[in-house]
Amino acid sequence: MVQEKVEKRQGGQVQDGKWLVLTESTGKEGKGYTHQCGAQIKGAQVAHSIHDGPFSLSGGGQVHYETVPFCPDCETEPNYYGFPIDHDPVERRELEILKRIGQGR
């Protein structure tokens, strides 16, 4: 009896600004998603180091964490060590909101 090795695609892919696995799934945020293969979507924590210092690859040691959805049957679990980023996404959103408030929007 020979088992077939099934190739899994890389988890955590984005297409048109949306998580690819969620575009192939049914469900609702906060309730859970089921992938088209029938598996429940899981989430993996990914850490992005923030390199916002004055020198290349420098920063204050901050890390931005995000939960990345993936199908355990069709995709590999996303790597915990995500890509470095040059800003804190939460801080940038807060600054944009404050800027809009200051403009009277």
Protein backbone atom coordinates (compact mmCIF):
# COMPACT_ATOMS: atom_id res chain seq x y z
CA MET A 1 0.00 0.00 0.00
CA VAL A 2 1.59 3.24 -1.19
CA GLN A 3 0.43 6.58 0.15
CA GLU A 4 0.41 9.54 -2.20
CA LYS A 5 2.29 12.58 -1.01
CA VAL A 6 0.04 15.59 -1.46
CA GLU A 7 1.81 18.90 -2.09
CA LYS A 8 0.48 21.69 0.10
CA ARG A 9 0.64 25.28 -1.04
CA GLN A 10 2.27 27.89 1.17
CA GLY A 11 -0.08 29.24 3.84
CA GLY A 12 -0.70 32.93 4.40
CA GLN A 13 -1.06 34.01 0.79
CA VAL A 14 -2.82 37.28 -0.06
CA GLN A 15 -4.69 37.94 -3.30
CA ASP A 16 -6.23 41.34 -4.12
CA GLY A 17 -5.70 42.45 -0.51
CA LYS A 18 -7.59 39.46 0.98
CA TRP A 19 -6.43 36.22 2.53
CA LEU A 20 -6.60 33.68 -0.32
CA VAL A 21 -7.79 30.84 1.93
CA LEU A 22 -10.72 32.95 3.19
CA THR A 23 -11.83 33.77 -0.36
CA GLU A 24 -12.11 30.00 -0.89
CA SER A 25 -14.05 29.45 2.34
CA THR A 26 -17.51 29.94 3.79
CA GLY A 27 -18.26 31.36 7.23
CA LYS A 28 -18.10 34.58 9.17
CA GLU A 29 -15.48 36.46 11.14
CA GLY A 30 -15.86 35.65 14.82
CA LYS A 31 -17.79 32.44 14.04
CA GLY A 32 -15.22 30.49 12.03
CA TYR A 33 -14.56 29.50 8.44
CA THR A 34 -14.73 26.19 6.59
CA HIS A 35 -12.46 25.75 3.58
CA GLN A 36 -13.80 24.33 0.31
CA CYS A 37 -12.09 21.02 1.17
CA GLY A 38 -14.19 20.73 4.35
CA ALA A 39 -11.45 21.53 6.90
CA GLN A 40 -11.88 24.18 9.58
CA ILE A 41 -9.61 27.19 9.01
CA LYS A 42 -6.96 27.65 11.68
CA GLY A 43 -4.89 30.70 12.60
CA ALA A 44 -1.14 30.90 13.12
CA GLN A 45 0.61 33.75 14.89
CA VAL A 46 3.22 35.52 12.79
CA ALA A 47 5.71 38.04 14.23
CA HIS A 48 7.01 40.96 12.14
CA SER A 49 9.98 42.83 13.60
CA ILE A 50 9.63 46.60 13.19
CA HIS A 51 12.72 48.21 11.68
CA ASP A 52 11.96 51.90 12.18
CA GLY A 53 15.38 53.12 13.31
CA PRO A 54 17.70 55.60 11.61
CA PHE A 55 19.92 52.87 10.15
CA SER A 56 19.20 49.97 7.84
CA LEU A 57 17.61 47.05 9.76
CA SER A 58 17.62 49.03 13.01
CA GLY A 59 14.79 49.66 15.42
CA GLY A 60 13.73 49.67 19.03
CA GLY A 61 12.99 45.94 19.25
CA GLN A 62 9.23 46.22 18.76
CA VAL A 63 7.31 43.41 17.08
CA HIS A 64 3.90 43.46 15.37
CA TYR A 65 1.96 40.20 15.73
CA GLU A 66 -0.83 39.11 13.42
CA THR A 67 -2.98 36.01 13.13
CA VAL A 68 -2.72 34.47 9.67
CA PRO A 69 -5.48 32.07 8.53
CA PHE A 70 -4.57 28.79 6.83
CA CYS A 71 -6.17 25.46 5.88
CA PRO A 72 -4.37 22.65 7.76
CA ASP A 73 -5.25 20.14 5.02
CA CYS A 74 -4.31 22.19 1.93
CA GLU A 75 -1.65 24.65 3.12
CA THR A 76 1.54 24.63 5.15
CA GLU A 77 1.43 26.49 8.44
CA PRO A 78 2.76 30.04 7.99
CA ASN A 79 6.25 30.66 9.36
CA TYR A 80 6.24 32.33 12.78
CA TYR A 81 9.05 34.65 11.67
CA GLY A 82 7.32 37.03 9.26
CA PHE A 83 8.90 39.65 7.05
CA PRO A 84 10.40 42.73 8.73
CA ILE A 85 8.33 45.90 8.37
CA ASP A 86 9.32 49.57 8.57
CA HIS A 87 6.40 50.81 10.70
CA ASP A 88 3.87 49.66 13.26
CA PRO A 89 0.56 49.16 11.35
CA VAL A 90 -1.52 49.95 14.44
CA GLU A 91 0.38 53.17 15.15
CA ARG A 92 0.08 54.26 11.50
CA ARG A 93 -3.72 53.73 11.54
CA GLU A 94 -4.00 55.75 14.75
CA LEU A 95 -2.01 58.60 13.19
CA GLU A 96 -4.27 58.57 10.10
CA ILE A 97 -7.38 58.76 12.31
CA LEU A 98 -5.95 61.66 14.31
CA LYS A 99 -5.04 63.44 11.08
CA ARG A 100 -8.61 63.07 9.78
CA ILE A 101 -10.02 64.36 13.07
CA GLY A 102 -7.73 67.38 12.81
CA GLN A 103 -9.03 68.05 9.29
CA GLY A 104 -12.63 67.95 10.51
CA ARG A 105 -13.64 64.76 8.67
